[in-house]
C-alpha atoms as a PDB file:
ATOM      1  CA  MET A   1      15.870  -1.635   6.271  1.00  0.00           C
ATOM      2  CA  LYS A   2      15.424   1.958   7.415  1.00  0.00           C
ATOM      3  CA  ASN A   3      11.991   3.275   6.765  1.00  0.00           C
ATOM      4  CA  GLY A   4      10.898   7.122   6.822  1.00  0.00           C
ATOM      5  CA  MET A   5       8.053   8.789   6.850  1.00  0.00           C
ATOM      6  CA  MET A   6       5.344   7.605   5.074  1.00  0.00           C
ATOM      7  CA  ILE A   7       3.282   9.918   2.643  1.00  0.00           C
ATOM      8  CA  ALA A   8      -0.321   9.342   1.490  1.00  0.00           C
ATOM      9  CA  SER A   9      -1.308  11.130  -1.959  1.00  0.00           C
ATOM     10  CA  LEU A  10      -4.570  10.699  -2.962  1.00  0.00           C
ATOM     11  CA  ALA A  11      -5.531  11.007  -6.238  1.00  0.00           C
ATOM     12  CA  GLY A  12      -8.590  11.450  -8.114  1.00  0.00           C
ATOM     13  CA  LEU A  13     -11.275  12.191  -5.483  1.00  0.00           C
ATOM     14  CA  ALA A  14     -13.759  13.439  -7.849  1.00  0.00           C
ATOM     15  CA  VAL A  15     -16.493  11.051  -9.275  1.00  0.00           C
ATOM     16  CA  ALA A  16     -18.403  10.908 -12.128  1.00  0.00           C
ATOM     17  CA  GLY A  17     -21.764   9.652 -12.922  1.00  0.00           C
ATOM     18  CA  SER A  18     -23.287   6.567 -11.101  1.00  0.00           C
ATOM     19  CA  ALA A  19     -21.358   4.107 -13.577  1.00  0.00           C
ATOM     20  CA  SER A  20     -18.641   4.870 -11.182  1.00  0.00           C
ATOM     21  CA  ALA A  21     -19.938   5.545  -8.232  1.00  0.00           C
ATOM     22  CA  THR A  22     -18.525   3.267  -5.859  1.00  0.00           C
ATOM     23  CA  PHE A  23     -14.784   3.956  -7.086  1.00  0.00           C
ATOM     24  CA  VAL A  24     -13.534   7.218  -5.324  1.00  0.00           C
ATOM     25  CA  GLY A  25      -9.588   6.950  -6.963  1.00  0.00           C
ATOM     26  CA  PHE A  26      -5.956   5.954  -6.959  1.00  0.00           C
ATOM     27  CA  VAL A  27      -3.765   6.329  -3.722  1.00  0.00           C
ATOM     28  CA  VAL A  28      -0.348   6.656  -3.188  1.00  0.00           C
ATOM     29  CA  VAL A  29       1.612   5.402  -0.211  1.00  0.00           C
ATOM     30  CA  THR A  30       5.122   6.098  -0.242  1.00  0.00           C
ATOM     31  CA  THR A  31       7.860   4.971   2.132  1.00  0.00           C
ATOM     32  CA  GLN A  32      11.573   5.159   2.109  1.00  0.00           C
ATOM     33  CA  VAL A  33      13.477   2.022   2.146  1.00  0.00           C
ATOM     34  CA  THR A  34      17.318   1.505   2.183  1.00  0.00           C
ATOM     35  CA  THR A  35      19.081  -1.665   1.410  1.00  0.00           C
ATOM     36  CA  GLY A  36      23.015  -2.122   0.494  1.00  0.00           C
ATOM     37  CA  GLY A  37      23.421   1.418   0.977  1.00  0.00           C
ATOM     38  CA  VAL A  38      21.054   2.202  -1.902  1.00  0.00           C
ATOM     39  CA  LEU A  39      18.155   4.966  -0.723  1.00  0.00           C
ATOM     40  CA  LEU A  40      14.931   4.389  -2.338  1.00  0.00           C
ATOM     41  CA  ASP A  41      10.924   5.391  -2.429  1.00  0.00           C
ATOM     42  CA  GLN A  42       8.703   2.599  -2.358  1.00  0.00           C
ATOM     43  CA  HIS A  43       5.600   3.953  -3.890  1.00  0.00           C
ATOM     44  CA  LYS A  44       2.367   1.395  -3.666  1.00  0.00           C
ATOM     45  CA  ILE A  45      -0.536   1.996  -5.744  1.00  0.00           C
ATOM     46  CA  PHE A  46      -4.110   1.643  -4.375  1.00  0.00           C
ATOM     47  CA  ALA A  47      -7.538   1.556  -5.910  1.00  0.00           C
ATOM     48  CA  ARG A  48      -9.998   3.137  -3.461  1.00  0.00           C
ATOM     49  CA  PHE A  49     -13.944   2.105  -3.569  1.00  0.00           C
ATOM     50  CA  ASN A  50     -16.682   2.695  -0.982  1.00  0.00           C
ATOM     51  CA  GLY A  51     -18.497  -0.528  -1.590  1.00  0.00           C
ATOM     52  CA  PRO A  52     -18.255  -3.386   0.983  1.00  0.00           C
ATOM     53  CA  THR A  53     -17.464  -5.730  -1.831  1.00  0.00           C
ATOM     54  CA  ASP A  54     -16.064  -4.019  -4.776  1.00  0.00           C
ATOM     55  CA  THR A  55     -13.857  -6.276  -7.020  1.00  0.00           C
ATOM     56  CA  VAL A  56     -11.090  -5.294  -8.912  1.00  0.00           C
ATOM     57  CA  LEU A  57     -10.759  -7.715 -12.266  1.00  0.00           C
ATOM     58  CA  ASN A  58      -8.436  -6.151 -14.092  1.00  0.00           C
ATOM     59  CA  VAL A  59      -6.164  -3.124 -14.949  1.00  0.00           C
ATOM     60  CA  PHE A  60      -5.433  -1.617 -18.304  1.00  0.00           C
ATOM     61  CA  ASN A  61      -3.898   1.419 -20.587  1.00  0.00           C
ATOM     62  CA  LEU A  62      -1.051   2.265 -17.804  1.00  0.00           C
ATOM     63  CA  ALA A  63       0.660   5.444 -19.465  1.00  0.00           C
ATOM     64  CA  TYR A  64       3.200   7.750 -18.805  1.00  0.00           C
ATOM     65  CA  ASN A  65       1.276  11.510 -18.688  1.00  0.00           C
ATOM     66  CA  GLY A  66       4.649  13.461 -17.826  1.00  0.00           C
ATOM     67  CA  SER A  67       6.183  15.346 -14.981  1.00  0.00           C
ATOM     68  CA  SER A  68       8.771  12.635 -13.861  1.00  0.00           C
ATOM     69  CA  SER A  69      12.249  14.388 -12.869  1.00  0.00           C
ATOM     70  CA  ALA A  70      13.639  10.738 -14.266  1.00  0.00           C
ATOM     71  CA  ALA A  71      15.888  11.046 -17.304  1.00  0.00           C
ATOM     72  CA  ASP A  72      13.956   8.218 -18.615  1.00  0.00           C
ATOM     73  CA  PRO A  73      10.496   7.656 -16.878  1.00  0.00           C
ATOM     74  CA  TYR A  74       9.996   4.232 -18.335  1.00  0.00           C
ATOM     75  CA  GLY A  75      13.475   2.923 -17.340  1.00  0.00           C
ATOM     76  CA  GLN A  76      13.679   4.455 -13.705  1.00  0.00           C
ATOM     77  CA  PHE A  77      12.299   1.346 -11.634  1.00  0.00           C
ATOM     78  CA  TYR A  78      14.094  -1.056  -9.415  1.00  0.00           C
ATOM     79  CA  HIS A  79      13.892  -4.629  -9.260  1.00  0.00           C
ATOM     80  CA  LYS A  80      15.415  -7.384  -6.715  1.00  0.00           C
ATOM     81  CA  ASP A  81      13.310 -10.010  -7.396  1.00  0.00           C
ATOM     82  CA  ASN A  82      14.214 -13.884  -7.477  1.00  0.00           C
ATOM     83  CA  SER A  83      13.934 -14.353 -11.456  1.00  0.00           C
ATOM     84  CA  ASP A  84      16.461 -15.417 -13.836  1.00  0.00           C
ATOM     85  CA  TYR A  85      16.430 -12.110 -14.843  1.00  0.00           C
ATOM     86  CA  SER A  86      17.833 -10.293 -11.535  1.00  0.00           C
ATOM     87  CA  GLY A  87      18.610 -13.128  -9.625  1.00  0.00           C
ATOM     88  CA  GLY A  88      17.779 -11.186  -5.994  1.00  0.00           C
ATOM     89  CA  VAL A  89      20.281  -8.584  -7.050  1.00  0.00           C
ATOM     90  CA  LEU A  90      19.179  -4.918  -7.093  1.00  0.00           C
ATOM     91  CA  GLY A  91      19.306  -2.861  -9.867  1.00  0.00           C
ATOM     92  CA  GLN A  92      17.225  -1.286 -13.009  1.00  0.00           C
ATOM     93  CA  GLN A  93      18.851  -3.435 -15.922  1.00  0.00           C
ATOM     94  CA  TYR A  94      16.801  -6.915 -15.200  1.00  0.00           C
ATOM     95  CA  GLY A  95      14.064  -7.931 -13.592  1.00  0.00           C
ATOM     96  CA  THR A  96      10.292  -9.066 -13.993  1.00  0.00           C
ATOM     97  CA  TRP A  97       6.928  -7.440 -12.918  1.00  0.00           C
ATOM     98  CA  ALA A  98       5.377 -10.810 -11.934  1.00  0.00           C
ATOM     99  CA  PRO A  99       4.478 -10.713  -8.476  1.00  0.00           C
ATOM    100  CA  GLN A 100       5.248 -14.412  -7.665  1.00  0.00           C
ATOM    101  CA  LEU A 101       8.897 -13.839  -8.292  1.00  0.00           C
ATOM    102  CA  THR A 102       9.630 -11.447  -5.839  1.00  0.00           C
ATOM    103  CA  GLY A 103      10.972 -13.834  -3.421  1.00  0.00           C
ATOM    104  CA  SER A 104      11.811 -12.686   0.603  1.00  0.00           C
ATOM    105  CA  ALA A 105       9.381 -10.771   2.287  1.00  0.00           C
ATOM    106  CA  THR A 106      12.189  -9.090   3.842  1.00  0.00           C
ATOM    107  CA  LEU A 107      15.355  -9.271   1.778  1.00  0.00           C
ATOM    108  CA  ASN A 108      13.644  -8.550  -1.531  1.00  0.00           C
ATOM    109  CA  ARG A 109       9.910  -7.522  -1.746  1.00  0.00           C
ATOM    110  CA  PRO A 110      10.402  -3.969  -0.057  1.00  0.00           C
ATOM    111  CA  PHE A 111      12.816  -2.842  -3.007  1.00  0.00           C
ATOM    112  CA  ASP A 112      11.201  -4.726  -5.841  1.00  0.00           C
ATOM    113  CA  SER A 113       9.127  -3.179  -8.328  1.00  0.00           C
ATOM    114  CA  PHE A 114       5.871  -5.457  -9.339  1.00  0.00           C
ATOM    115  CA  LEU A 115       2.439  -5.387 -10.273  1.00  0.00           C
ATOM    116  CA  VAL A 116      -0.604  -7.375  -8.557  1.00  0.00           C
ATOM    117  CA  ILE A 117      -4.490  -7.210  -8.434  1.00  0.00           C
ATOM    118  CA  GLY A 118      -4.759  -7.302  -4.913  1.00  0.00           C
ATOM    119  CA  GLY A 119      -3.206  -9.947  -2.444  1.00  0.00           C
ATOM    120  CA  THR A 120       0.313 -10.938  -1.379  1.00  0.00           C
ATOM    121  CA  ALA A 121       3.250 -10.346  -3.797  1.00  0.00           C
ATOM    122  CA  SER A 122       4.267 -13.925  -3.575  1.00  0.00           C
ATOM    123  CA  ALA A 123       4.367 -17.410  -5.135  1.00  0.00           C
ATOM    124  CA  THR A 124       0.577 -18.028  -4.989  1.00  0.00           C
ATOM    125  CA  ASN A 125      -0.407 -14.578  -6.225  1.00  0.00           C
ATOM    126  CA  SER A 126      -2.825 -15.138  -9.158  1.00  0.00           C
ATOM    127  CA  THR A 127      -2.042 -11.787 -11.075  1.00  0.00           C
ATOM    128  CA  SER A 128      -1.020 -12.141 -15.009  1.00  0.00           C
ATOM    129  CA  ALA A 129      -0.087  -9.785 -17.674  1.00  0.00           C
ATOM    130  CA  ASP A 130      -2.158  -9.286 -20.343  1.00  0.00           C
ATOM    131  CA  PRO A 131      -0.995  -9.378 -24.422  1.00  0.00           C
ATOM    132  CA  SER A 132      -0.455  -5.723 -24.050  1.00  0.00           C
ATOM    133  CA  TRP A 133       3.067  -5.972 -23.386  1.00  0.00           C
ATOM    134  CA  ASN A 134       3.845  -8.258 -26.079  1.00  0.00           C
ATOM    135  CA  SER A 135       3.892  -5.451 -29.223  1.00  0.00           C
ATOM    136  CA  GLY A 136       3.737  -1.560 -29.301  1.00  0.00           C
ATOM    137  CA  GLY A 137       5.801   0.758 -28.358  1.00  0.00           C
ATOM    138  CA  SER A 138       8.944   2.016 -29.324  1.00  0.00           C
ATOM    139  CA  GLY A 139      12.978   1.603 -29.132  1.00  0.00           C
ATOM    140  CA  THR A 140      14.133   0.209 -25.983  1.00  0.00           C
ATOM    141  CA  HIS A 141      10.480   0.503 -25.088  1.00  0.00           C
ATOM    142  CA  ALA A 142       8.880  -1.635 -27.354  1.00  0.00           C
ATOM    143  CA  GLY A 143       6.795  -5.170 -26.548  1.00  0.00           C
ATOM    144  CA  ASN A 144       8.487  -8.094 -27.084  1.00  0.00           C
ATOM    145  CA  ALA A 145       8.121 -12.010 -26.430  1.00  0.00           C
ATOM    146  CA  SER A 146       9.185 -11.612 -23.366  1.00  0.00           C
ATOM    147  CA  GLY A 147       6.421 -10.081 -21.853  1.00  0.00           C
ATOM    148  CA  TRP A 148       6.521  -8.571 -18.307  1.00  0.00           C
ATOM    149  CA  ASN A 149       9.496 -10.210 -18.017  1.00  0.00           C
ATOM    150  CA  ARG A 150      11.530  -6.865 -18.008  1.00  0.00           C
ATOM    151  CA  ALA A 151      13.008  -4.361 -15.703  1.00  0.00           C
ATOM    152  CA  ASP A 152      11.027  -1.164 -17.738  1.00  0.00           C
ATOM    153  CA  LEU A 153       7.776  -0.256 -18.696  1.00  0.00           C
ATOM    154  CA  LEU A 154       6.344  -0.116 -22.315  1.00  0.00           C
ATOM    155  CA  ASP A 155       5.514   3.545 -23.948  1.00  0.00           C
ATOM    156  CA  ASN A 156       2.774   1.899 -25.612  1.00  0.00           C
ATOM    157  CA  GLY A 157       0.320   3.332 -23.513  1.00  0.00           C
ATOM    158  CA  THR A 158      -1.687  -0.046 -23.168  1.00  0.00           C
ATOM    159  CA  MET A 159      -0.030  -2.577 -20.436  1.00  0.00           C
ATOM    160  CA  GLY A 160      -2.491  -4.294 -18.281  1.00  0.00           C
ATOM    161  CA  TRP A 161      -2.859  -7.166 -16.058  1.00  0.00           C
ATOM    162  CA  PHE A 162      -5.846  -9.130 -14.339  1.00  0.00           C
ATOM    163  CA  ASN A 163      -6.755 -11.438 -12.011  1.00  0.00           C
ATOM    164  CA  SER A 164      -6.634 -15.188 -13.822  1.00  0.00           C
ATOM    165  CA  SER A 165      -8.310 -16.653 -11.087  1.00  0.00           C
ATOM    166  CA  PRO A 166     -11.268 -14.482 -10.061  1.00  0.00           C
ATOM    167  CA  PRO A 167     -12.545 -17.062  -7.649  1.00  0.00           C
ATOM    168  CA  THR A 168      -9.930 -16.313  -5.328  1.00  0.00           C
ATOM    169  CA  LEU A 169     -11.256 -12.901  -4.619  1.00  0.00           C
ATOM    170  CA  GLN A 170      -7.653 -11.507  -4.171  1.00  0.00           C
ATOM    171  CA  GLY A 171      -8.584  -8.085  -5.909  1.00  0.00           C
ATOM    172  CA  ARG A 172     -11.649  -7.779  -3.407  1.00  0.00           C
ATOM    173  CA  VAL A 173     -11.746  -5.165  -0.556  1.00  0.00           C
ATOM    174  CA  GLY A 174     -12.106  -6.681   2.931  1.00  0.00           C
ATOM    175  CA  VAL A 175      -9.977  -9.573   1.977  1.00  0.00           C
ATOM    176  CA  ALA A 176      -6.526  -9.605   3.467  1.00  0.00           C
ATOM    177  CA  PRO A 177      -4.076  -8.117   2.587  1.00  0.00           C
ATOM    178  CA  ASN A 178      -6.467  -5.687   0.996  1.00  0.00           C
ATOM    179  CA  THR A 179      -8.301  -3.096   3.370  1.00  0.00           C
ATOM    180  CA  ALA A 180     -11.785  -2.316   3.789  1.00  0.00           C
ATOM    181  CA  THR A 181     -11.462   0.161   1.019  1.00  0.00           C
ATOM    182  CA  ASP A 182      -8.372  -0.190  -0.757  1.00  0.00           C
ATOM    183  CA  VAL A 183      -6.596  -2.744  -3.534  1.00  0.00           C
ATOM    184  CA  LEU A 184      -3.292  -2.757  -4.243  1.00  0.00           C
ATOM    185  CA  LEU A 185      -2.388  -2.456  -7.886  1.00  0.00           C
ATOM    186  CA  ALA A 186       1.434  -1.865  -8.063  1.00  0.00           C
ATOM    187  CA  GLN A 187       4.440  -0.829  -6.244  1.00  0.00           C
ATOM    188  CA  PHE A 188       6.825   0.773  -8.010  1.00  0.00           C
ATOM    189  CA  VAL A 189      10.385   1.480  -6.277  1.00  0.00           C
ATOM    190  CA  ILE A 190      12.805   4.385  -7.543  1.00  0.00           C
ATOM    191  CA  ASP A 191      15.886   6.647  -6.230  1.00  0.00           C
ATOM    192  CA  ARG A 192      15.145   8.482  -3.429  1.00  0.00           C
ATOM    193  CA  GLY A 193      13.534  11.891  -3.619  1.00  0.00           C
ATOM    194  CA  GLY A 194      12.777  11.398  -7.264  1.00  0.00           C
ATOM    195  CA  ASN A 195       9.902  13.060  -8.768  1.00  0.00           C
ATOM    196  CA  PHE A 196       8.111   9.452  -9.782  1.00  0.00           C
ATOM    197  CA  GLY A 197       5.625  11.521 -12.764  1.00  0.00           C
ATOM    198  CA  VAL A 198       2.045  11.452 -13.440  1.00  0.00           C
ATOM    199  CA  TRP A 199       0.266   8.304 -14.853  1.00  0.00           C
ATOM    200  CA  SER A 200      -3.354   7.019 -16.004  1.00  0.00           C
ATOM    201  CA  LEU A 201      -4.593   4.009 -15.583  1.00  0.00           C
ATOM    202  CA  THR A 202      -7.962   2.558 -15.876  1.00  0.00           C
ATOM    203  CA  VAL A 203      -9.359  -0.172 -13.760  1.00  0.00           C
ATOM    204  CA  GLY A 204     -12.277  -2.811 -14.427  1.00  0.00           C
ATOM    205  CA  TYR A 205     -14.151  -3.908 -11.429  1.00  0.00           C
ATOM    206  CA  ASN A 206     -17.594  -4.903  -9.984  1.00  0.00           C
ATOM    207  CA  ASP A 207     -19.695  -5.003  -6.944  1.00  0.00           C
ATOM    208  CA  GLY A 208     -18.485  -8.508  -5.948  1.00  0.00           C
ATOM    209  CA  VAL A 209     -21.677 -10.437  -7.027  1.00  0.00           C
ATOM    210  CA  ALA A 210     -21.739 -13.051  -9.708  1.00  0.00           C
ATOM    211  CA  GLY A 211     -23.187 -12.006 -12.815  1.00  0.00           C
ATOM    212  CA  SER A 212     -23.146  -8.194 -11.952  1.00  0.00           C
ATOM    213  CA  ALA A 213     -21.743  -5.731 -14.659  1.00  0.00           C
ATOM    214  CA  VAL A 214     -18.049  -4.993 -14.901  1.00  0.00           C
ATOM    215  CA  GLN A 215     -17.688  -0.878 -14.462  1.00  0.00           C
ATOM    216  CA  PHE A 216     -14.248   0.981 -15.691  1.00  0.00           C
ATOM    217  CA  ALA A 217     -12.986   3.911 -14.568  1.00  0.00           C
ATOM    218  CA  THR A 218     -10.056   5.701 -15.690  1.00  0.00           C
ATOM    219  CA  ASN A 219      -8.030   8.248 -13.440  1.00  0.00           C
ATOM    220  CA  THR A 220      -4.625   9.352 -12.702  1.00  0.00           C
ATOM    221  CA  PHE A 221      -2.239   8.856 -10.196  1.00  0.00           C
ATOM    222  CA  GLY A 222       1.295  10.255  -9.183  1.00  0.00           C
ATOM    223  CA  VAL A 223       3.839  11.370  -6.671  1.00  0.00           C
ATOM    224  CA  PRO A 224       4.707  15.548  -6.395  1.00  0.00           C
ATOM    225  CA  ALA A 225       8.489  16.872  -6.110  1.00  0.00           C
ATOM    226  CA  PRO A 226      10.196  16.036  -2.596  1.00  0.00           C
ATOM    227  CA  GLY A 227       8.390  17.992   0.237  1.00  0.00           C
ATOM    228  CA  ALA A 228       5.527  18.894  -1.677  1.00  0.00           C
ATOM    229  CA  LEU A 229       1.977  16.980  -1.047  1.00  0.00           C
ATOM    230  CA  ALA A 230      -0.949  17.310  -4.237  1.00  0.00           C
ATOM    231  CA  LEU A 231      -3.870  16.075  -4.682  1.00  0.00           C
ATOM    232  CA  LEU A 232      -3.989  14.714  -8.505  1.00  0.00           C
ATOM    233  CA  GLY A 233      -6.326  13.564 -11.056  1.00  0.00           C
ATOM    234  CA  LEU A 234      -9.266  15.799  -9.852  1.00  0.00           C
ATOM    235  CA  ALA A 235     -10.068  16.456 -13.913  1.00  0.00           C
ATOM    236  CA  GLY A 236     -10.376  14.254 -16.095  1.00  0.00           C
ATOM    237  CA  PHE A 237     -12.016  11.317 -14.482  1.00  0.00           C
ATOM    238  CA  ALA A 238     -14.151   9.028 -16.766  1.00  0.00           C
ATOM    239  CA  GLY A 239     -16.198   5.797 -16.070  1.00  0.00           C
ATOM    240  CA  ARG A 240     -18.159   3.483 -18.382  1.00  0.00           C
ATOM    241  CA  ARG A 241     -20.607   0.509 -17.514  1.00  0.00           C
ATOM    242  CA  ARG A 242     -20.255  -2.365 -20.101  1.00  0.00           C
ATOM    243  CA  ARG A 243     -24.129  -3.691 -20.989  1.00  0.00           C
END
């Protein structure tokens, strides 16, 4: 595996209202990876916070907003997981978004697309798909009984995932492998040099104190065209507090 230059793209540095004051935005870190002679870009999506114990509980309403250079933005993702669907073979037709099935940390995980609420993408991760994967959408990107055991994303605009065991604290900043400010939410692997496009996502979180109110914030993230860096999502930020 050859790693190239790591590119960080900050999304949504504007914050609206005190109800969302601890959510800073989404951060995209891009690393060039190679497996079997296939040149790929690995995009890691993080939620960034400024509170010392902020904890992600769930995310939802993942939706494509445009600008991808891929002919099929929903089907541009590579998988190399150990599920029955792909069997550790790199490809875009078969796979799963479940982090528990990523397989080897060196032979599979760097080249696999998966979704998480913090923690390491391994068998012990407690991230689960929510029911949004079972219905909605259209054509080949419609939901079905397979849930997130598929290689593509749905075009229903409601996809979500959550920490099914919050006491693990895997979604909290400062709990390894999360950093003091960032919690990993997804890894998307696409063809080298492709424009990933702009996507929107809503994050549900609290300050990590038992019984504290859950807050929600919506923003965008994306990867600009090759050779360009951009700040994304400075507009259209929305947050609200559930009472």
